[in-house]
Amino acid sequence: MASHAPFRPETRAPAPDADRGPGPGTARTVSVPPPVPSPRTVRSVRHLGPQWYASVMGTAVVATAGAALPLPTPGLRPAATLVWALSLVMLTVLVTARAVHWARHRDQARAHLLDPATAPFHGCAAMALLSVGGGALSVGRDWIGLPAAVALDTVLFCAGTLLGLVTAVAVPYLMVVRHRIEDATPAWLLPVVPPMVSAAQGPLLLPHLPAGEARETLLLGCYALFGVSLFATLLVLPLVFGRLVTGGPLPLPLTPSLFLVLGPLGQSVTAAGHFADTAGGVLPASYAHGFTAFAVLHGVPVMGFALLWLALAGALVLRAWRRGMGFALSWWAFTFPVGTCVTGAEALARHTGLAGFRWVAAGLYALLVAAWLVAAVRTARGLVSGVLLAGPGTAPGALRPGTARTR
């Protein structure tokens, strides 16, 4: 692990370990009072890293998941549209701030790329573009009109897909040739998930393309992106679980990142459902029927594993909370990955007609909204105080050398 994490956690007094006492080789985290960020530090974007795009992703998915919720809820769609508008504003502000960051702090931008703890988060930028673009067609069209929604989604889909393919190659390349990595973390999934998000969002544009080869090319292109991300995920997941089994729990501030595993799982179920929704009339009937079957045959077992991982990750997060885990930007991992499981359950509800999947979607959506509210409020508080924009070693609770392990 790097000597500092890409998240800026606050500290809580750790609770006594009721499970076991200290043993040989047990490391203890020593709390050192950090300096208070100066006003200059608070106003600077020097330490504005790519992980901030996770807040845009988490906000956009609240809107898109709410719009497709298979249970009638009065007022939900207008509220979802408002949340999507917020995500669009957040994306605009963040893209501008990141452009300033690259222009004025190029050395720090390069340092982020060469930092093995931060580099994987560059995948979040592509997913933020794709999520907001998909939300434009799902709910944003209610306010900006269908032509503007199609234009916005087209631009963001193309930009997000291209950027996602770049990060899916460039970040693993840097991990191989430049980074010095000690432990696998769930953040390794972030560079390879954007193609799956493209696969899920691309079918929304099919009705707005000319019939014939253009639609078929986009649909099969999205299916190829599905494969890119799926097989890359299958390579990374065993490393992540192996790290947990052999190395023990993650450091407290990074424990919420376990929820990142849900992202490619839920998004693959969502993508398979969208393929089935749109394949009819685009592909030959035999292929269209195959996509319909695939939506269920792939979606049900993957959703089952996603729920299993949700329970495991939730238990480890509860353990970390009892031991003093405070707020950090890593809490945004509770939003977008859970949101993909909501949209995946919604797709299964459409294609199976089972009430059970509708209730799974509703329950996960309630969890998503609660997590989003907490993360949004705590992030706003951290921005106002300047803590979340402070540099490594100045933010309260930032990890320091020798404090990475918690057991």
Protein backbone atom coordinates (compact mmCIF):
# COMPACT_ATOMS: atom_id res chain seq x y z
CA MET A 1 0.00 0.00 0.00
CA ALA A 2 1.11 3.56 -0.55
CA SER A 3 1.97 5.63 2.47
CA HIS A 4 -1.22 7.61 2.09
CA ALA A 5 -4.66 6.69 0.86
CA PRO A 6 -6.58 8.47 -1.90
CA PHE A 7 -9.36 9.14 0.57
CA ARG A 8 -9.20 11.68 3.36
CA PRO A 9 -10.80 10.06 6.41
CA GLU A 10 -11.81 11.63 9.65
CA THR A 11 -11.07 9.80 12.87
CA ARG A 12 -13.27 8.29 15.52
CA ALA A 13 -12.19 6.87 18.83
CA PRO A 14 -11.68 3.14 18.18
CA ALA A 15 -13.95 0.84 20.10
CA PRO A 16 -12.42 -1.90 22.22
CA ASP A 17 -11.80 -5.11 20.30
CA ALA A 18 -14.23 -7.48 21.92
CA ASP A 19 -13.32 -10.37 19.65
CA ARG A 20 -9.73 -10.86 20.71
CA GLY A 21 -6.93 -9.25 22.63
CA PRO A 22 -3.57 -8.19 21.23
CA GLY A 23 -1.33 -10.97 20.10
CA PRO A 24 2.16 -11.39 18.72
CA GLY A 25 2.75 -9.34 15.60
CA THR A 26 -0.34 -7.22 16.12
CA ALA A 27 0.15 -3.69 14.80
CA ARG A 28 -1.54 -0.74 16.40
CA THR A 29 -2.55 2.50 14.73
CA VAL A 30 -1.04 5.48 16.51
CA SER A 31 -3.08 8.65 16.35
CA VAL A 32 -1.00 11.76 15.70
CA PRO A 33 -2.76 15.16 15.88
CA PRO A 34 -2.45 16.63 12.38
CA PRO A 35 -1.98 20.31 11.57
CA VAL A 36 -5.07 22.31 10.70
CA PRO A 37 -5.36 23.03 6.94
CA SER A 38 -4.51 26.62 6.08
CA PRO A 39 -6.97 28.80 4.13
CA ARG A 40 -4.66 28.56 1.12
CA THR A 41 -4.84 24.76 1.25
CA VAL A 42 -8.61 24.81 1.61
CA ARG A 43 -9.06 26.88 -1.55
CA SER A 44 -6.55 24.93 -3.66
CA VAL A 45 -7.44 22.20 -6.14
CA ARG A 46 -3.91 20.83 -6.00
CA HIS A 47 -5.01 17.68 -4.21
CA LEU A 48 -8.31 17.26 -6.07
CA GLY A 49 -7.89 13.66 -7.22
CA PRO A 50 -9.86 11.52 -9.67
CA GLN A 51 -11.69 9.78 -6.80
CA TRP A 52 -13.99 12.81 -6.61
CA TYR A 53 -15.80 11.56 -9.72
CA ALA A 54 -17.28 8.83 -7.51
CA SER A 55 -19.61 11.45 -6.02
CA VAL A 56 -20.98 12.20 -9.50
CA MET A 57 -21.48 8.52 -10.25
CA GLY A 58 -23.22 7.93 -6.94
CA THR A 59 -25.55 10.87 -7.49
CA ALA A 60 -26.45 9.98 -11.09
CA VAL A 61 -27.29 6.38 -10.23
CA VAL A 62 -29.79 7.52 -7.59
CA ALA A 63 -31.70 9.19 -10.44
CA THR A 64 -31.51 6.40 -13.02
CA ALA A 65 -32.26 3.63 -10.53
CA GLY A 66 -35.21 5.57 -9.12
CA ALA A 67 -36.68 6.19 -12.57
CA ALA A 68 -36.85 2.45 -13.33
CA LEU A 69 -38.00 1.25 -9.91
CA PRO A 70 -40.68 -1.39 -10.60
CA LEU A 71 -42.90 -0.30 -7.69
CA PRO A 72 -45.18 2.74 -8.10
CA THR A 73 -43.95 5.58 -5.90
CA PRO A 74 -45.68 8.99 -6.16
CA GLY A 75 -43.27 11.84 -6.80
CA LEU A 76 -40.28 9.58 -7.37
CA ARG A 77 -39.67 10.53 -11.01
CA PRO A 78 -39.63 14.32 -10.43
CA ALA A 79 -37.29 13.77 -7.49
CA ALA A 80 -35.07 11.55 -9.64
CA THR A 81 -34.97 14.23 -12.33
CA LEU A 82 -33.89 16.79 -9.76
CA VAL A 83 -31.11 14.50 -8.54
CA TRP A 84 -29.97 13.96 -12.14
CA ALA A 85 -29.80 17.73 -12.64
CA LEU A 86 -27.64 17.92 -9.52
CA SER A 87 -25.32 15.25 -10.95
CA LEU A 88 -25.00 17.24 -14.18
CA VAL A 89 -24.02 20.36 -12.24
CA MET A 90 -21.55 18.35 -10.16
CA LEU A 91 -20.00 16.87 -13.29
CA THR A 92 -19.62 20.29 -14.90
CA VAL A 93 -17.97 21.77 -11.81
CA LEU A 94 -15.69 18.78 -11.32
CA VAL A 95 -14.54 18.58 -14.95
CA THR A 96 -13.70 22.28 -14.78
CA ALA A 97 -11.83 21.90 -11.50
CA ARG A 98 -9.90 18.90 -12.81
CA ALA A 99 -8.96 20.87 -15.93
CA VAL A 100 -7.57 23.61 -13.67
CA HIS A 101 -5.77 20.92 -11.67
CA TRP A 102 -4.05 19.58 -14.79
CA ALA A 103 -3.20 23.08 -16.03
CA ARG A 104 -1.79 24.45 -12.75
CA HIS A 105 -0.61 21.36 -10.91
CA ARG A 106 0.72 19.06 -13.60
CA ASP A 107 3.32 17.64 -11.22
CA GLN A 108 0.60 16.52 -8.83
CA ALA A 109 -1.49 15.12 -11.68
CA ARG A 110 1.49 12.99 -12.73
CA ALA A 111 1.99 11.95 -9.12
CA HIS A 112 -1.62 10.70 -9.03
CA LEU A 113 -0.94 8.55 -12.11
CA LEU A 114 2.20 7.09 -10.59
CA ASP A 115 0.64 6.49 -7.17
CA PRO A 116 -0.66 2.88 -7.09
CA ALA A 117 -3.30 3.88 -4.53
CA THR A 118 -4.71 6.71 -6.66
CA ALA A 119 -4.18 5.67 -10.29
CA PRO A 120 -7.09 3.16 -10.43
CA PHE A 121 -9.53 5.96 -9.61
CA HIS A 122 -8.98 7.51 -13.04
CA GLY A 123 -11.60 5.02 -14.21
CA CYS A 124 -14.19 6.99 -12.24
CA ALA A 125 -14.04 9.89 -14.71
CA ALA A 126 -15.32 7.74 -17.57
CA MET A 127 -18.06 6.23 -15.42
CA ALA A 128 -19.19 9.68 -14.28
CA LEU A 129 -19.58 10.82 -17.91
CA LEU A 130 -21.47 7.66 -18.85
CA SER A 131 -23.74 7.75 -15.79
CA VAL A 132 -24.81 11.36 -16.31
CA GLY A 133 -25.28 10.74 -20.03
CA GLY A 134 -27.51 7.72 -19.43
CA GLY A 135 -29.49 9.73 -16.90
CA ALA A 136 -30.18 12.37 -19.55
CA LEU A 137 -32.17 9.85 -21.58
CA SER A 138 -33.72 8.13 -18.55
CA VAL A 139 -35.02 11.17 -16.68
CA GLY A 140 -33.29 14.33 -17.87
CA ARG A 141 -35.40 14.45 -21.02
CA ASP A 142 -38.38 15.41 -18.85
CA TRP A 143 -36.75 18.80 -18.29
CA ILE A 144 -34.42 19.42 -21.24
CA GLY A 145 -36.44 17.69 -23.96
CA LEU A 146 -35.68 14.55 -25.95
CA PRO A 147 -33.46 16.11 -28.68
CA ALA A 148 -31.21 17.79 -26.11
CA ALA A 149 -31.11 14.60 -24.04
CA VAL A 150 -30.08 12.53 -27.05
CA ALA A 151 -27.38 15.03 -27.99
CA LEU A 152 -26.02 15.21 -24.44
CA ASP A 153 -26.01 11.44 -24.02
CA THR A 154 -24.31 10.94 -27.39
CA VAL A 155 -21.47 13.28 -26.46
CA LEU A 156 -21.01 11.88 -22.97
CA PHE A 157 -21.33 8.26 -24.14
CA CYS A 158 -18.68 8.68 -26.83
CA ALA A 159 -16.33 10.57 -24.50
CA GLY A 160 -16.88 8.17 -21.61
CA THR A 161 -16.44 5.06 -23.75
CA LEU A 162 -13.21 6.32 -25.30
CA LEU A 163 -11.83 7.43 -21.94
CA GLY A 164 -12.90 4.14 -20.36
CA LEU A 165 -11.03 2.10 -22.97
CA VAL A 166 -7.94 4.26 -22.45
CA THR A 167 -7.98 3.77 -18.68
CA ALA A 168 -8.71 0.04 -19.06
CA VAL A 169 -5.36 -0.25 -20.86
CA ALA A 170 -3.25 2.59 -19.46
CA VAL A 171 -3.80 2.03 -15.74
CA PRO A 172 -3.06 -1.74 -15.83
CA TYR A 173 -0.01 -0.90 -17.95
CA LEU A 174 1.22 1.51 -15.28
CA MET A 175 0.50 -1.09 -12.60
CA VAL A 176 2.77 -3.53 -14.44
CA VAL A 177 5.69 -1.31 -15.43
CA ARG A 178 5.74 1.65 -13.01
CA HIS A 179 3.85 0.90 -9.81
CA ARG A 180 5.25 -1.05 -6.89
CA ILE A 181 2.28 -2.78 -5.36
CA GLU A 182 2.16 -4.78 -2.14
CA ASP A 183 -1.51 -5.72 -1.79
CA ALA A 184 -4.50 -6.14 -4.09
CA THR A 185 -7.47 -3.88 -3.31
CA PRO A 186 -11.01 -3.63 -4.73
CA ALA A 187 -9.96 -0.33 -6.34
CA TRP A 188 -8.15 -2.42 -8.96
CA LEU A 189 -11.56 -3.00 -10.51
CA LEU A 190 -12.15 0.68 -11.24
CA PRO A 191 -10.08 0.94 -14.44
CA VAL A 192 -11.79 -2.09 -16.02
CA VAL A 193 -15.42 -1.39 -15.07
CA PRO A 194 -16.04 1.60 -17.45
CA PRO A 195 -16.49 -0.65 -20.53
CA MET A 196 -19.26 -2.47 -18.65
CA VAL A 197 -20.95 0.86 -17.90
CA SER A 198 -20.72 1.70 -21.62
CA ALA A 199 -22.26 -1.68 -22.41
CA ALA A 200 -25.18 -0.91 -20.11
CA GLN A 201 -25.73 2.65 -21.34
CA GLY A 202 -25.19 2.18 -25.09
CA PRO A 203 -28.48 0.35 -25.81
CA LEU A 204 -30.40 3.44 -24.64
CA LEU A 205 -29.21 5.21 -27.81
CA LEU A 206 -30.32 2.46 -30.23
CA PRO A 207 -33.83 3.85 -30.92
CA HIS A 208 -32.25 7.15 -31.94
CA LEU A 209 -29.97 5.65 -34.59
CA PRO A 210 -30.95 4.83 -38.19
CA ALA A 211 -32.36 1.32 -38.51
CA GLY A 212 -30.05 -1.32 -39.90
CA GLU A 213 -26.30 -1.59 -39.64
CA ALA A 214 -25.83 1.40 -37.32
CA ARG A 215 -28.00 -0.12 -34.63
CA GLU A 216 -26.54 -3.58 -35.04
CA THR A 217 -23.00 -2.22 -34.83
CA LEU A 218 -23.72 -0.33 -31.62
CA LEU A 219 -25.46 -3.27 -29.98
CA LEU A 220 -22.73 -5.78 -30.82
CA GLY A 221 -20.10 -3.19 -29.91
CA CYS A 222 -21.68 -2.88 -26.48
CA TYR A 223 -21.67 -6.67 -26.22
CA ALA A 224 -17.93 -6.64 -26.96
CA LEU A 225 -17.41 -4.02 -24.24
CA PHE A 226 -19.39 -6.29 -21.93
CA GLY A 227 -16.84 -9.05 -22.61
CA VAL A 228 -13.85 -6.74 -22.10
CA SER A 229 -14.98 -5.77 -18.64
CA LEU A 230 -16.37 -9.16 -17.63
CA PHE A 231 -13.18 -11.11 -18.28
CA ALA A 232 -10.99 -8.41 -16.74
CA THR A 233 -13.20 -8.52 -13.63
CA LEU A 234 -12.84 -12.30 -13.45
CA LEU A 235 -9.06 -11.83 -13.38
CA VAL A 236 -9.11 -9.27 -10.57
CA LEU A 237 -11.76 -10.69 -8.23
CA PRO A 238 -9.74 -13.74 -7.10
CA LEU A 239 -6.82 -11.44 -6.25
CA VAL A 240 -9.05 -9.24 -4.11
CA PHE A 241 -10.59 -12.14 -2.21
CA GLY A 242 -7.21 -13.81 -1.85
CA ARG A 243 -5.84 -10.60 -0.32
CA LEU A 244 -8.64 -10.60 2.26
CA VAL A 245 -8.16 -14.23 3.20
CA THR A 246 -4.36 -14.15 3.42
CA GLY A 247 -3.80 -10.54 4.52
CA GLY A 248 -6.79 -9.86 6.75
CA PRO A 249 -9.22 -6.92 6.67
CA LEU A 250 -8.40 -3.77 4.75
CA PRO A 251 -7.28 -0.62 6.62
CA LEU A 252 -10.27 1.02 8.26
CA PRO A 253 -10.61 4.01 5.87
CA LEU A 254 -10.50 1.68 2.84
CA THR A 255 -12.97 -0.91 4.11
CA PRO A 256 -15.94 0.68 2.25
CA SER A 257 -14.09 0.00 -1.01
CA LEU A 258 -15.18 -3.63 -0.65
CA PHE A 259 -18.52 -2.45 -2.06
CA LEU A 260 -16.75 -1.66 -5.34
CA VAL A 261 -16.94 -5.36 -6.20
CA LEU A 262 -20.70 -4.95 -6.61
CA GLY A 263 -20.18 -2.48 -9.48
CA PRO A 264 -19.19 -4.85 -12.30
CA LEU A 265 -21.58 -7.51 -10.99
CA GLY A 266 -24.71 -5.35 -10.92
CA GLN A 267 -23.74 -3.49 -14.08
CA SER A 268 -23.31 -6.74 -16.02
CA VAL A 269 -26.84 -7.82 -15.04
CA THR A 270 -28.12 -4.39 -16.07
CA ALA A 271 -26.31 -4.58 -19.41
CA ALA A 272 -27.65 -8.05 -20.14
CA GLY A 273 -31.17 -6.80 -19.43
CA HIS A 274 -30.72 -3.82 -21.77
CA PHE A 275 -29.43 -6.13 -24.53
CA ALA A 276 -32.60 -8.19 -24.20
CA ASP A 277 -34.79 -5.06 -24.16
CA THR A 278 -33.37 -3.74 -27.44
CA ALA A 279 -32.19 -6.75 -29.48
CA GLY A 280 -35.60 -7.40 -31.03
CA GLY A 281 -35.78 -5.71 -34.42
CA VAL A 282 -32.03 -4.99 -34.39
CA LEU A 283 -30.62 -8.52 -34.65
CA PRO A 284 -32.03 -11.67 -36.28
CA ALA A 285 -34.76 -13.30 -34.22
CA SER A 286 -32.56 -16.20 -33.09
CA TYR A 287 -29.97 -13.81 -31.63
CA ALA A 288 -32.66 -11.63 -30.06
CA HIS A 289 -34.14 -14.66 -28.29
CA GLY A 290 -30.65 -15.63 -27.17
CA PHE A 291 -30.15 -12.23 -25.54
CA THR A 292 -33.48 -12.62 -23.74
CA ALA A 293 -32.43 -15.98 -22.35
CA PHE A 294 -28.97 -14.65 -21.50
CA ALA A 295 -30.48 -11.81 -19.46
CA VAL A 296 -31.95 -14.39 -17.07
CA LEU A 297 -29.34 -17.15 -17.28
CA HIS A 298 -26.54 -14.70 -16.60
CA GLY A 299 -28.42 -12.27 -14.41
CA VAL A 300 -29.87 -14.58 -11.75
CA PRO A 301 -26.62 -16.28 -10.60
CA VAL A 302 -24.61 -13.07 -10.79
CA MET A 303 -27.22 -11.23 -8.74
CA GLY A 304 -27.12 -14.07 -6.23
CA PHE A 305 -23.35 -13.69 -5.88
CA ALA A 306 -23.71 -9.90 -5.64
CA LEU A 307 -26.09 -10.28 -2.70
CA LEU A 308 -23.66 -12.70 -1.05
CA TRP A 309 -20.82 -10.20 -1.47
CA LEU A 310 -23.06 -7.41 -0.17
CA ALA A 311 -23.58 -9.38 3.05
CA LEU A 312 -19.84 -10.09 3.42
CA ALA A 313 -18.81 -6.51 2.69
CA GLY A 314 -21.51 -5.19 5.02
CA ALA A 315 -20.24 -7.38 7.85
CA LEU A 316 -16.66 -6.16 7.35
CA VAL A 317 -17.82 -2.53 7.23
CA LEU A 318 -19.74 -3.02 10.49
CA ARG A 319 -16.59 -4.51 12.01
CA ALA A 320 -14.56 -1.52 10.83
CA TRP A 321 -17.15 0.91 12.20
CA ARG A 322 -16.95 -0.71 15.62
CA ARG A 323 -13.17 -0.26 15.52
CA GLY A 324 -13.27 3.44 14.76
CA MET A 325 -13.80 3.87 11.02
CA GLY A 326 -14.71 7.50 10.35
CA PHE A 327 -16.01 9.25 7.27
CA ALA A 328 -13.88 9.37 4.13
CA LEU A 329 -14.54 9.80 0.42
CA SER A 330 -14.44 6.00 0.29
CA TRP A 331 -18.02 6.11 1.61
CA TRP A 332 -19.14 6.93 -1.95
CA ALA A 333 -18.44 3.26 -2.64
CA PHE A 334 -21.75 2.61 -0.87
CA THR A 335 -23.64 4.38 -3.68
CA PHE A 336 -22.84 3.60 -7.33
CA PRO A 337 -22.07 -0.13 -6.84
CA VAL A 338 -25.30 -0.61 -4.89
CA GLY A 339 -27.13 1.39 -7.56
CA THR A 340 -25.97 -1.03 -10.26
CA CYS A 341 -27.47 -3.86 -8.23
CA VAL A 342 -30.74 -1.91 -8.09
CA THR A 343 -30.83 -1.53 -11.88
CA GLY A 344 -29.80 -5.19 -12.26
CA ALA A 345 -32.68 -6.33 -10.03
CA GLU A 346 -35.02 -4.06 -12.01
CA ALA A 347 -33.90 -5.76 -15.24
CA LEU A 348 -34.50 -9.20 -13.75
CA ALA A 349 -37.94 -8.11 -12.56
CA ARG A 350 -38.80 -7.09 -16.15
CA HIS A 351 -37.60 -10.32 -17.72
CA THR A 352 -38.79 -12.82 -15.14
CA GLY A 353 -41.96 -11.09 -13.89
CA LEU A 354 -41.13 -12.24 -10.36
CA ALA A 355 -42.26 -10.05 -7.48
CA GLY A 356 -39.19 -11.09 -5.50
CA PHE A 357 -36.87 -9.13 -7.76
CA ARG A 358 -39.10 -6.07 -7.49
CA TRP A 359 -38.78 -6.15 -3.72
CA VAL A 360 -35.03 -6.73 -3.94
CA ALA A 361 -34.79 -3.64 -6.14
CA ALA A 362 -36.90 -1.60 -3.72
CA GLY A 363 -34.90 -2.70 -0.68
CA LEU A 364 -31.56 -1.98 -2.33
CA TYR A 365 -32.84 1.39 -3.54
CA ALA A 366 -33.76 2.37 0.02
CA LEU A 367 -30.20 1.42 1.06
CA LEU A 368 -28.81 3.42 -1.86
CA VAL A 369 -30.74 6.59 -1.00
CA ALA A 370 -29.75 6.39 2.67
CA ALA A 371 -26.08 5.90 1.77
CA TRP A 372 -26.21 8.75 -0.74
CA LEU A 373 -27.73 11.18 1.75
CA VAL A 374 -25.09 10.39 4.36
CA ALA A 375 -22.19 10.58 1.90
CA ALA A 376 -23.47 13.80 0.33
CA VAL A 377 -23.99 15.59 3.65
CA ARG A 378 -20.64 14.50 5.07
CA THR A 379 -18.84 15.42 1.83
CA ALA A 380 -20.41 18.88 1.81
CA ARG A 381 -19.31 19.35 5.41
CA GLY A 382 -15.77 18.26 4.54
CA LEU A 383 -15.65 20.68 1.61
CA VAL A 384 -16.81 23.60 3.72
CA SER A 385 -14.22 22.84 6.41
CA GLY A 386 -11.48 22.25 3.81
CA VAL A 387 -10.55 18.86 5.26
CA LEU A 388 -11.30 16.90 2.08
CA LEU A 389 -9.15 19.13 -0.12
CA ALA A 390 -6.17 19.11 2.21
CA GLY A 391 -2.98 17.42 1.12
CA PRO A 392 -1.69 14.05 2.34
CA GLY A 393 -0.58 14.23 5.96
CA THR A 394 -2.63 17.36 6.71
CA ALA A 395 -6.12 15.91 6.58
CA PRO A 396 -7.31 14.64 9.93
CA GLY A 397 -6.93 10.89 10.10
CA ALA A 398 -4.87 10.54 6.92
CA LEU A 399 -2.94 7.31 6.83
CA ARG A 400 0.73 7.62 7.66
CA PRO A 401 3.58 5.17 7.21
CA GLY A 402 3.30 2.31 9.61
CA THR A 403 -0.45 2.68 10.19
CA ALA A 404 -1.81 0.88 7.16
CA ARG A 405 -2.71 -2.36 8.91
CA THR A 406 -5.38 -2.64 11.59
CA ARG A 407 -4.73 -6.08 12.95
